[in-house]
Amino acid sequence: MDASLRANQWTIDLQTLVVMPDHVHMIFTPLVDLERAEIFSLARITKAIKGTAAHLINRQLGRPGRVWQAESFDRVLWVSEKWMRRLLIFSTPREEGIGVFSKRIPLLVGGAKTGAELRSAGQVRTPAPTRAVRIIGVISDTHGLLRPEALAALHGSDHIIHAGDIGDPVILKTLAEIAPVTAVRGNVDREAWAKKIPSTNVLEVAGISIYVLHNLNELDLKPEAAGFDVVVCGHSHVAKQEMKNGVLYFNPGSAGPRRFRLPVTVGRLHLKHGTASAEIVEIFPGAE
């Protein structure tokens, strides 16, 4: 359920969600990818949801590895007179305590209303547009120091990722004044406040799945197999980007106290055309 709710308003406008013991029923309106001038496909939507779900399940069970079977059994019912004649039953899941998410839409039995009638009544909405380009600000290893120059570089971001070694919870609150923040704790984040921050996290933006952890050496899954497009990490203080097996690996470097004469940097992810590219922003050059 959490994975599906995370996709809501990024790739879909979720109407109803019913989580069964071994499958999920969803009614949603796909959003529009303005850059491609097309509606997000079922393949892109399910890839994002399944990738997030696999991560959350493995984290809960404390294990790596495959969650979803190789075959695809995704089914889609388009808004039309045919699917409106389907019987939608929600009483059993509620009685059994199975997770249910639903907006206030009528439960339909039989074909009393057509898709056109529902659309005119406002019960099936036209897909809302999404921004053509998303900018994700990426920062790491602040170690309690949030420089004004780093904040300036992150302004204009649609979302911000902090890849760990935060050092002070005030930093996350300050970043949140610019944009929503997805954060992970690093090896120096040992105080009580840091226990609420996960060691790994997942962000879904514009159909792009991003896996976040602090130390890349602790990566315990194959991102390409889990459906992730980007892996964001920190820890080394060395800014780096590379493509491996179709996955973009991105370390924005350190924005905190200078270490080993390395430059002080942050990063940006540009999400466009359903792909991600990375940019390293140098705040202060390396010391000579």
C-alpha atoms as a PDB file:
ATOM      1  CA  MET A   1       0.000   0.000   0.000  1.00  0.00           C
ATOM      2  CA  ASP A   2       2.776   2.443   0.909  1.00  0.00           C
ATOM      3  CA  ALA A   3       4.480   1.894  -2.460  1.00  0.00           C
ATOM      4  CA  SER A   4       1.239   2.653  -4.320  1.00  0.00           C
ATOM      5  CA  LEU A   5       0.544   5.742  -2.246  1.00  0.00           C
ATOM      6  CA  ARG A   6       4.031   7.045  -2.993  1.00  0.00           C
ATOM      7  CA  ALA A   7       3.234   6.847  -6.712  1.00  0.00           C
ATOM      8  CA  ASN A   8       0.062   8.896  -6.212  1.00  0.00           C
ATOM      9  CA  GLN A   9       0.340  12.333  -7.881  1.00  0.00           C
ATOM     10  CA  TRP A  10       3.708  11.434  -9.444  1.00  0.00           C
ATOM     11  CA  THR A  11       2.656   9.010 -12.154  1.00  0.00           C
ATOM     12  CA  ILE A  12      -0.981   8.348 -11.215  1.00  0.00           C
ATOM     13  CA  ASP A  13      -4.032   9.961  -9.674  1.00  0.00           C
ATOM     14  CA  LEU A  14      -5.081   7.155  -7.349  1.00  0.00           C
ATOM     15  CA  GLN A  15      -8.800   6.646  -6.851  1.00  0.00           C
ATOM     16  CA  THR A  16      -9.067   3.338  -5.003  1.00  0.00           C
ATOM     17  CA  LEU A  17      -6.574   0.776  -3.706  1.00  0.00           C
ATOM     18  CA  VAL A  18      -7.327  -2.632  -2.196  1.00  0.00           C
ATOM     19  CA  VAL A  19      -4.405  -4.749  -0.945  1.00  0.00           C
ATOM     20  CA  MET A  20      -5.223  -8.461  -1.000  1.00  0.00           C
ATOM     21  CA  PRO A  21      -3.047 -11.234   0.512  1.00  0.00           C
ATOM     22  CA  ASP A  22      -1.201 -11.941  -2.754  1.00  0.00           C
ATOM     23  CA  HIS A  23      -2.212  -9.179  -5.170  1.00  0.00           C
ATOM     24  CA  VAL A  24      -3.426  -5.601  -5.431  1.00  0.00           C
ATOM     25  CA  HIS A  25      -6.481  -4.012  -7.038  1.00  0.00           C
ATOM     26  CA  MET A  26      -6.108  -0.372  -8.119  1.00  0.00           C
ATOM     27  CA  ILE A  27      -8.279   2.164  -9.885  1.00  0.00           C
ATOM     28  CA  PHE A  28      -6.327   5.203 -11.026  1.00  0.00           C
ATOM     29  CA  THR A  29      -5.961   7.777 -13.752  1.00  0.00           C
ATOM     30  CA  PRO A  30      -2.477   7.820 -15.317  1.00  0.00           C
ATOM     31  CA  LEU A  31      -0.905  11.260 -15.316  1.00  0.00           C
ATOM     32  CA  VAL A  32       0.580  12.909 -18.375  1.00  0.00           C
ATOM     33  CA  ASP A  33       4.308  12.971 -19.061  1.00  0.00           C
ATOM     34  CA  LEU A  34       4.432  16.377 -20.731  1.00  0.00           C
ATOM     35  CA  GLU A  35       7.975  15.930 -21.987  1.00  0.00           C
ATOM     36  CA  ARG A  36       6.968  12.847 -23.966  1.00  0.00           C
ATOM     37  CA  ALA A  37       3.488  14.223 -24.658  1.00  0.00           C
ATOM     38  CA  GLU A  38       1.946  10.939 -23.614  1.00  0.00           C
ATOM     39  CA  ILE A  39       0.259   9.320 -20.646  1.00  0.00           C
ATOM     40  CA  PHE A  40       2.515   7.308 -18.327  1.00  0.00           C
ATOM     41  CA  SER A  41       2.335   3.703 -19.531  1.00  0.00           C
ATOM     42  CA  LEU A  42       1.230   0.795 -17.362  1.00  0.00           C
ATOM     43  CA  ALA A  43       4.738  -0.652 -17.659  1.00  0.00           C
ATOM     44  CA  ARG A  44       6.360   2.509 -16.231  1.00  0.00           C
ATOM     45  CA  ILE A  45       3.763   2.818 -13.467  1.00  0.00           C
ATOM     46  CA  THR A  46       4.036  -0.788 -12.303  1.00  0.00           C
ATOM     47  CA  LYS A  47       7.838  -0.741 -12.544  1.00  0.00           C
ATOM     48  CA  ALA A  48       7.958   2.177 -10.118  1.00  0.00           C
ATOM     49  CA  ILE A  49       5.434   0.668  -7.705  1.00  0.00           C
ATOM     50  CA  LYS A  50       7.023  -2.797  -7.750  1.00  0.00           C
ATOM     51  CA  GLY A  51      10.525  -1.399  -7.239  1.00  0.00           C
ATOM     52  CA  THR A  52       9.424   0.577  -4.191  1.00  0.00           C
ATOM     53  CA  ALA A  53       7.423  -2.343  -2.796  1.00  0.00           C
ATOM     54  CA  ALA A  54      10.349  -4.756  -3.193  1.00  0.00           C
ATOM     55  CA  HIS A  55      12.627  -2.374  -1.305  1.00  0.00           C
ATOM     56  CA  LEU A  56      10.136  -1.865   1.541  1.00  0.00           C
ATOM     57  CA  ILE A  57       9.414  -5.595   1.861  1.00  0.00           C
ATOM     58  CA  ASN A  58      13.093  -6.564   1.905  1.00  0.00           C
ATOM     59  CA  ARG A  59      13.866  -3.845   4.441  1.00  0.00           C
ATOM     60  CA  GLN A  60      11.049  -5.081   6.692  1.00  0.00           C
ATOM     61  CA  LEU A  61      12.246  -8.692   6.415  1.00  0.00           C
ATOM     62  CA  GLY A  62      15.921  -7.772   6.730  1.00  0.00           C
ATOM     63  CA  ARG A  63      16.953  -9.517   3.553  1.00  0.00           C
ATOM     64  CA  PRO A  64      18.044  -8.745  -0.039  1.00  0.00           C
ATOM     65  CA  GLY A  65      16.879 -10.467  -3.201  1.00  0.00           C
ATOM     66  CA  ARG A  66      13.993 -10.783  -5.621  1.00  0.00           C
ATOM     67  CA  VAL A  67      10.429 -10.204  -4.426  1.00  0.00           C
ATOM     68  CA  TRP A  68       8.325 -10.251  -7.587  1.00  0.00           C
ATOM     69  CA  GLN A  69       8.114 -13.284  -9.842  1.00  0.00           C
ATOM     70  CA  ALA A  70       9.502 -12.874 -13.348  1.00  0.00           C
ATOM     71  CA  GLU A  71       6.141 -13.161 -15.127  1.00  0.00           C
ATOM     72  CA  SER A  72       3.927 -10.105 -15.397  1.00  0.00           C
ATOM     73  CA  PHE A  73       0.288 -10.466 -14.410  1.00  0.00           C
ATOM     74  CA  ASP A  74      -0.572  -6.770 -14.468  1.00  0.00           C
ATOM     75  CA  ARG A  75      -4.084  -6.160 -15.676  1.00  0.00           C
ATOM     76  CA  VAL A  76      -5.618  -2.886 -16.762  1.00  0.00           C
ATOM     77  CA  LEU A  77      -9.293  -2.000 -17.229  1.00  0.00           C
ATOM     78  CA  TRP A  78      -9.812   1.165 -19.266  1.00  0.00           C
ATOM     79  CA  VAL A  79     -12.535   3.684 -18.501  1.00  0.00           C
ATOM     80  CA  SER A  80     -15.303   2.443 -20.792  1.00  0.00           C
ATOM     81  CA  GLU A  81     -18.773   1.021 -20.784  1.00  0.00           C
ATOM     82  CA  LYS A  82     -17.325  -2.499 -20.602  1.00  0.00           C
ATOM     83  CA  TRP A  83     -15.406  -2.117 -17.384  1.00  0.00           C
ATOM     84  CA  MET A  84     -18.185  -0.117 -15.780  1.00  0.00           C
ATOM     85  CA  ARG A  85     -20.299  -3.271 -15.992  1.00  0.00           C
ATOM     86  CA  ARG A  86     -17.799  -5.099 -13.807  1.00  0.00           C
ATOM     87  CA  LEU A  87     -18.820  -5.880 -10.245  1.00  0.00           C
ATOM     88  CA  LEU A  88     -16.655  -4.024  -7.702  1.00  0.00           C
ATOM     89  CA  ILE A  89     -16.796  -5.603  -4.242  1.00  0.00           C
ATOM     90  CA  PHE A  90     -15.088  -3.930  -1.279  1.00  0.00           C
ATOM     91  CA  SER A  91     -16.914  -5.311   1.769  1.00  0.00           C
ATOM     92  CA  THR A  92     -14.802  -8.439   2.287  1.00  0.00           C
ATOM     93  CA  PRO A  93     -11.406  -6.643   2.438  1.00  0.00           C
ATOM     94  CA  ARG A  94     -12.776  -4.198   4.986  1.00  0.00           C
ATOM     95  CA  GLU A  95     -14.265  -6.952   7.125  1.00  0.00           C
ATOM     96  CA  GLU A  96     -11.025  -8.922   7.032  1.00  0.00           C
ATOM     97  CA  GLY A  97      -8.912  -5.902   7.911  1.00  0.00           C
ATOM     98  CA  ILE A  98      -7.051  -5.918   4.587  1.00  0.00           C
ATOM     99  CA  GLY A  99      -5.635  -2.519   3.670  1.00  0.00           C
ATOM    100  CA  VAL A 100      -8.013  -0.275   1.758  1.00  0.00           C
ATOM    101  CA  PHE A 101      -7.390   3.233   0.443  1.00  0.00           C
ATOM    102  CA  SER A 102     -10.277   4.960  -1.278  1.00  0.00           C
ATOM    103  CA  LYS A 103     -11.411   8.420  -2.245  1.00  0.00           C
ATOM    104  CA  ARG A 104     -15.117   9.200  -2.044  1.00  0.00           C
ATOM    105  CA  ILE A 105     -16.300   7.555  -5.237  1.00  0.00           C
ATOM    106  CA  PRO A 106     -19.399   5.400  -5.539  1.00  0.00           C
ATOM    107  CA  LEU A 107     -19.225   1.627  -5.447  1.00  0.00           C
ATOM    108  CA  LEU A 108     -20.645   0.462  -8.746  1.00  0.00           C
ATOM    109  CA  VAL A 109     -22.696  -2.661  -9.313  1.00  0.00           C
ATOM    110  CA  GLY A 110     -23.781  -3.301 -12.875  1.00  0.00           C
ATOM    111  CA  GLY A 111     -23.632  -0.913 -15.818  1.00  0.00           C
ATOM    112  CA  ALA A 112     -25.844   1.916 -14.653  1.00  0.00           C
ATOM    113  CA  LYS A 113     -23.320   4.588 -15.656  1.00  0.00           C
ATOM    114  CA  THR A 114     -21.012   4.747 -18.649  1.00  0.00           C
ATOM    115  CA  GLY A 115     -17.505   6.142 -18.642  1.00  0.00           C
ATOM    116  CA  ALA A 116     -18.738   9.306 -20.381  1.00  0.00           C
ATOM    117  CA  GLU A 117     -21.419   9.823 -17.756  1.00  0.00           C
ATOM    118  CA  LEU A 118     -18.929   9.373 -14.933  1.00  0.00           C
ATOM    119  CA  ARG A 119     -16.481  11.774 -16.562  1.00  0.00           C
ATOM    120  CA  SER A 120     -19.163  14.448 -16.968  1.00  0.00           C
ATOM    121  CA  ALA A 121     -20.138  13.977 -13.329  1.00  0.00           C
ATOM    122  CA  GLY A 122     -16.573  14.542 -12.232  1.00  0.00           C
ATOM    123  CA  GLN A 123     -16.170  11.026 -10.855  1.00  0.00           C
ATOM    124  CA  VAL A 124     -13.467  10.138 -13.390  1.00  0.00           C
ATOM    125  CA  ARG A 125     -11.037  13.001 -13.797  1.00  0.00           C
ATOM    126  CA  THR A 126      -8.926  14.042 -16.736  1.00  0.00           C
ATOM    127  CA  PRO A 127      -5.240  13.339 -16.032  1.00  0.00           C
ATOM    128  CA  ALA A 128      -3.527  16.233 -14.303  1.00  0.00           C
ATOM    129  CA  PRO A 129      -0.396  17.517 -16.039  1.00  0.00           C
ATOM    130  CA  THR A 130       3.039  16.888 -14.565  1.00  0.00           C
ATOM    131  CA  ARG A 131       6.083  19.132 -15.001  1.00  0.00           C
ATOM    132  CA  ALA A 132       8.208  18.334 -18.016  1.00  0.00           C
ATOM    133  CA  VAL A 133      11.527  18.474 -16.130  1.00  0.00           C
ATOM    134  CA  ARG A 134      12.089  17.670 -12.463  1.00  0.00           C
ATOM    135  CA  ILE A 135      15.178  18.828 -10.580  1.00  0.00           C
ATOM    136  CA  ILE A 136      16.258  16.844  -7.540  1.00  0.00           C
ATOM    137  CA  GLY A 137      18.804  18.579  -5.351  1.00  0.00           C
ATOM    138  CA  VAL A 138      21.303  16.139  -3.823  1.00  0.00           C
ATOM    139  CA  ILE A 139      23.449  16.859  -0.772  1.00  0.00           C
ATOM    140  CA  SER A 140      25.509  14.657   1.524  1.00  0.00           C
ATOM    141  CA  ASP A 141      28.003  14.588   4.382  1.00  0.00           C
ATOM    142  CA  THR A 142      27.102  17.943   5.881  1.00  0.00           C
ATOM    143  CA  HIS A 143      28.393  16.800   9.297  1.00  0.00           C
ATOM    144  CA  GLY A 144      26.411  19.528  11.043  1.00  0.00           C
ATOM    145  CA  LEU A 145      27.464  22.314   8.641  1.00  0.00           C
ATOM    146  CA  LEU A 146      24.930  23.661   6.133  1.00  0.00           C
ATOM    147  CA  ARG A 147      26.677  26.364   4.146  1.00  0.00           C
ATOM    148  CA  PRO A 148      24.653  29.292   2.697  1.00  0.00           C
ATOM    149  CA  GLU A 149      26.279  28.524  -0.661  1.00  0.00           C
ATOM    150  CA  ALA A 150      24.922  24.965  -0.534  1.00  0.00           C
ATOM    151  CA  LEU A 151      21.432  26.259   0.220  1.00  0.00           C
ATOM    152  CA  ALA A 152      21.657  28.677  -2.690  1.00  0.00           C
ATOM    153  CA  ALA A 153      22.661  25.860  -5.032  1.00  0.00           C
ATOM    154  CA  LEU A 154      19.654  23.788  -3.949  1.00  0.00           C
ATOM    155  CA  HIS A 155      17.076  26.526  -4.461  1.00  0.00           C
ATOM    156  CA  GLY A 156      14.714  25.715  -7.303  1.00  0.00           C
ATOM    157  CA  SER A 157      14.744  21.981  -6.568  1.00  0.00           C
ATOM    158  CA  ASP A 158      11.467  20.072  -6.763  1.00  0.00           C
ATOM    159  CA  HIS A 159      12.771  17.638  -4.157  1.00  0.00           C
ATOM    160  CA  ILE A 160      15.957  17.266  -2.092  1.00  0.00           C
ATOM    161  CA  ILE A 161      17.872  14.111  -1.185  1.00  0.00           C
ATOM    162  CA  HIS A 162      20.278  14.039   1.755  1.00  0.00           C
ATOM    163  CA  ALA A 163      22.510  10.968   1.477  1.00  0.00           C
ATOM    164  CA  GLY A 164      23.552  10.801   5.117  1.00  0.00           C
ATOM    165  CA  ASP A 165      26.074  11.978   7.709  1.00  0.00           C
ATOM    166  CA  ILE A 166      23.657  14.801   8.424  1.00  0.00           C
ATOM    167  CA  GLY A 167      25.093  15.777  11.784  1.00  0.00           C
ATOM    168  CA  ASP A 168      22.239  17.989  12.980  1.00  0.00           C
ATOM    169  CA  PRO A 169      18.442  17.605  12.588  1.00  0.00           C
ATOM    170  CA  VAL A 170      18.128  21.357  11.998  1.00  0.00           C
ATOM    171  CA  ILE A 171      19.738  20.780   8.607  1.00  0.00           C
ATOM    172  CA  LEU A 172      16.810  18.660   7.430  1.00  0.00           C
ATOM    173  CA  LYS A 173      14.319  21.243   8.690  1.00  0.00           C
ATOM    174  CA  THR A 174      16.156  23.990   6.817  1.00  0.00           C
ATOM    175  CA  LEU A 175      16.263  21.954   3.608  1.00  0.00           C
ATOM    176  CA  ALA A 176      12.542  21.228   3.963  1.00  0.00           C
ATOM    177  CA  GLU A 177      11.870  24.960   3.679  1.00  0.00           C
ATOM    178  CA  ILE A 178      13.094  24.717   0.077  1.00  0.00           C
ATOM    179  CA  ALA A 179      11.490  21.431  -1.010  1.00  0.00           C
ATOM    180  CA  PRO A 180      10.355  18.058   0.361  1.00  0.00           C
ATOM    181  CA  VAL A 181      13.296  16.053   1.698  1.00  0.00           C
ATOM    182  CA  THR A 182      14.147  12.365   1.435  1.00  0.00           C
ATOM    183  CA  ALA A 183      16.997  11.470   3.781  1.00  0.00           C
ATOM    184  CA  VAL A 184      18.989   8.525   5.087  1.00  0.00           C
ATOM    185  CA  ARG A 185      21.190   8.374   8.152  1.00  0.00           C
ATOM    186  CA  GLY A 186      24.935   7.956   7.859  1.00  0.00           C
ATOM    187  CA  ASN A 187      27.534   6.340  10.100  1.00  0.00           C
ATOM    188  CA  VAL A 188      27.966   9.528  12.184  1.00  0.00           C
ATOM    189  CA  ASP A 189      24.225   9.972  12.749  1.00  0.00           C
ATOM    190  CA  ARG A 190      24.015   8.096  16.048  1.00  0.00           C
ATOM    191  CA  GLU A 191      21.996  10.428  18.277  1.00  0.00           C
ATOM    192  CA  ALA A 192      18.398   9.738  19.291  1.00  0.00           C
ATOM    193  CA  TRP A 193      16.933  12.008  16.588  1.00  0.00           C
ATOM    194  CA  ALA A 194      18.678   9.972  13.870  1.00  0.00           C
ATOM    195  CA  LYS A 195      16.986   6.706  14.860  1.00  0.00           C
ATOM    196  CA  LYS A 196      13.816   7.884  13.117  1.00  0.00           C
ATOM    197  CA  ILE A 197      15.693   8.281   9.825  1.00  0.00           C
ATOM    198  CA  PRO A 198      16.039   5.073   7.750  1.00  0.00           C
ATOM    199  CA  SER A 199      19.388   3.708   6.604  1.00  0.00           C
ATOM    200  CA  THR A 200      17.982   3.322   3.079  1.00  0.00           C
ATOM    201  CA  ASN A 201      15.160   5.096   1.306  1.00  0.00           C
ATOM    202  CA  VAL A 202      13.326   5.197  -2.000  1.00  0.00           C
ATOM    203  CA  LEU A 203      12.091   8.164  -3.991  1.00  0.00           C
ATOM    204  CA  GLU A 204       9.767   7.972  -7.005  1.00  0.00           C
ATOM    205  CA  VAL A 205       9.675  11.083  -9.177  1.00  0.00           C
ATOM    206  CA  ALA A 206       8.214  11.382 -12.692  1.00  0.00           C
ATOM    207  CA  GLY A 207       8.470   7.654 -13.296  1.00  0.00           C
ATOM    208  CA  ILE A 208      12.109   7.481 -12.121  1.00  0.00           C
ATOM    209  CA  SER A 209      12.931   5.162  -9.204  1.00  0.00           C
ATOM    210  CA  ILE A 210      15.762   6.379  -6.962  1.00  0.00           C
ATOM    211  CA  TYR A 211      17.399   4.228  -4.280  1.00  0.00           C
ATOM    212  CA  VAL A 212      19.222   6.149  -1.533  1.00  0.00           C
ATOM    213  CA  LEU A 213      21.805   4.896   0.952  1.00  0.00           C
ATOM    214  CA  HIS A 214      24.859   6.396   2.613  1.00  0.00           C
ATOM    215  CA  ASN A 215      27.659   3.930   1.937  1.00  0.00           C
ATOM    216  CA  LEU A 216      27.648   2.334  -1.506  1.00  0.00           C
ATOM    217  CA  ASN A 217      29.676  -0.591  -0.142  1.00  0.00           C
ATOM    218  CA  GLU A 218      26.584  -1.563   1.884  1.00  0.00           C
ATOM    219  CA  LEU A 219      24.348  -1.909  -1.173  1.00  0.00           C
ATOM    220  CA  ASP A 220      22.658  -5.311  -0.716  1.00  0.00           C
ATOM    221  CA  LEU A 221      20.548  -5.520  -3.855  1.00  0.00           C
ATOM    222  CA  LYS A 222      20.947  -5.350  -7.620  1.00  0.00           C
ATOM    223  CA  PRO A 223      19.320  -2.039  -8.577  1.00  0.00           C
ATOM    224  CA  GLU A 224      18.726  -3.101 -12.175  1.00  0.00           C
ATOM    225  CA  ALA A 225      16.906  -6.256 -11.033  1.00  0.00           C
ATOM    226  CA  ALA A 226      14.843  -4.320  -8.460  1.00  0.00           C
ATOM    227  CA  GLY A 227      13.741  -1.771 -11.063  1.00  0.00           C
ATOM    228  CA  PHE A 228      15.731   1.239  -9.853  1.00  0.00           C
ATOM    229  CA  ASP A 229      16.990   3.828 -12.326  1.00  0.00           C
ATOM    230  CA  VAL A 230      19.306   5.770  -9.980  1.00  0.00           C
ATOM    231  CA  VAL A 231      21.359   4.980  -6.879  1.00  0.00           C
ATOM    232  CA  VAL A 232      22.340   7.974  -4.730  1.00  0.00           C
ATOM    233  CA  CYS A 233      25.032   7.611  -2.066  1.00  0.00           C
ATOM    234  CA  GLY A 234      27.565   9.615  -0.068  1.00  0.00           C
ATOM    235  CA  HIS A 235      30.204   8.697   2.539  1.00  0.00           C
ATOM    236  CA  SER A 236      33.357   8.961   0.402  1.00  0.00           C
ATOM    237  CA  HIS A 237      33.201  12.785   0.128  1.00  0.00           C
ATOM    238  CA  VAL A 238      34.234  12.276  -3.509  1.00  0.00           C
ATOM    239  CA  ALA A 239      31.774  13.526  -6.115  1.00  0.00           C
ATOM    240  CA  LYS A 240      31.217  10.894  -8.789  1.00  0.00           C
ATOM    241  CA  GLN A 241      28.727   9.725 -11.377  1.00  0.00           C
ATOM    242  CA  GLU A 242      28.750   6.630 -13.558  1.00  0.00           C
ATOM    243  CA  MET A 243      26.406   4.342 -15.460  1.00  0.00           C
ATOM    244  CA  LYS A 244      26.477   0.615 -14.702  1.00  0.00           C
ATOM    245  CA  ASN A 245      24.038  -1.920 -16.146  1.00  0.00           C
ATOM    246  CA  GLY A 246      21.664   0.856 -17.109  1.00  0.00           C
ATOM    247  CA  VAL A 247      21.626   2.397 -13.610  1.00  0.00           C
ATOM    248  CA  LEU A 248      23.000   5.861 -12.805  1.00  0.00           C
ATOM    249  CA  TYR A 249      25.174   5.848  -9.668  1.00  0.00           C
ATOM    250  CA  PHE A 250      25.560   9.350  -8.201  1.00  0.00           C
ATOM    251  CA  ASN A 251      27.580  10.659  -5.264  1.00  0.00           C
ATOM    252  CA  PRO A 252      27.269  14.457  -4.852  1.00  0.00           C
ATOM    253  CA  GLY A 253      30.423  14.682  -2.730  1.00  0.00           C
ATOM    254  CA  SER A 254      30.559  16.524   0.587  1.00  0.00           C
ATOM    255  CA  ALA A 255      28.884  19.846   1.342  1.00  0.00           C
ATOM    256  CA  GLY A 256      30.162  19.973   4.929  1.00  0.00           C
ATOM    257  CA  PRO A 257      33.615  20.577   6.422  1.00  0.00           C
ATOM    258  CA  ARG A 258      36.377  20.152   3.860  1.00  0.00           C
ATOM    259  CA  ARG A 259      38.189  16.800   3.935  1.00  0.00           C
ATOM    260  CA  PHE A 260      41.481  15.755   2.311  1.00  0.00           C
ATOM    261  CA  ARG A 261      41.645  18.994   0.289  1.00  0.00           C
ATOM    262  CA  LEU A 262      38.609  17.813  -1.706  1.00  0.00           C
ATOM    263  CA  PRO A 263      36.212  20.342  -3.255  1.00  0.00           C
ATOM    264  CA  VAL A 264      32.982  21.216  -1.480  1.00  0.00           C
ATOM    265  CA  THR A 265      30.088  20.124  -3.682  1.00  0.00           C
ATOM    266  CA  VAL A 266      26.401  19.355  -3.986  1.00  0.00           C
ATOM    267  CA  GLY A 267      24.571  17.772  -6.893  1.00  0.00           C
ATOM    268  CA  ARG A 268      21.472  17.876  -9.041  1.00  0.00           C
ATOM    269  CA  LEU A 269      19.515  15.167 -10.812  1.00  0.00           C
ATOM    270  CA  HIS A 270      17.649  16.254 -13.931  1.00  0.00           C
ATOM    271  CA  LEU A 271      14.701  14.006 -14.746  1.00  0.00           C
ATOM    272  CA  LYS A 272      13.587  14.403 -18.351  1.00  0.00           C
ATOM    273  CA  HIS A 273      12.169  12.157 -21.078  1.00  0.00           C
ATOM    274  CA  GLY A 274      11.872   9.381 -18.486  1.00  0.00           C
ATOM    275  CA  THR A 275      15.654   9.382 -17.961  1.00  0.00           C
ATOM    276  CA  ALA A 276      17.964  10.854 -15.326  1.00  0.00           C
ATOM    277  CA  SER A 277      21.179  12.809 -15.717  1.00  0.00           C
ATOM    278  CA  ALA A 278      23.444  14.116 -12.967  1.00  0.00           C
ATOM    279  CA  GLU A 279      25.250  17.404 -12.405  1.00  0.00           C
ATOM    280  CA  ILE A 280      27.956  18.119  -9.836  1.00  0.00           C
ATOM    281  CA  VAL A 281      27.888  21.691  -8.494  1.00  0.00           C
ATOM    282  CA  GLU A 282      31.191  22.898  -7.062  1.00  0.00           C
ATOM    283  CA  ILE A 283      30.725  25.354  -4.200  1.00  0.00           C
ATOM    284  CA  PHE A 284      34.410  25.694  -3.302  1.00  0.00           C
ATOM    285  CA  PRO A 285      37.278  24.216  -5.338  1.00  0.00           C
ATOM    286  CA  GLY A 286      39.706  21.729  -3.896  1.00  0.00           C
ATOM    287  CA  ALA A 287      42.563  23.115  -1.832  1.00  0.00           C
ATOM    288  CA  GLU A 288      46.000  23.160  -3.433  1.00  0.00           C
END
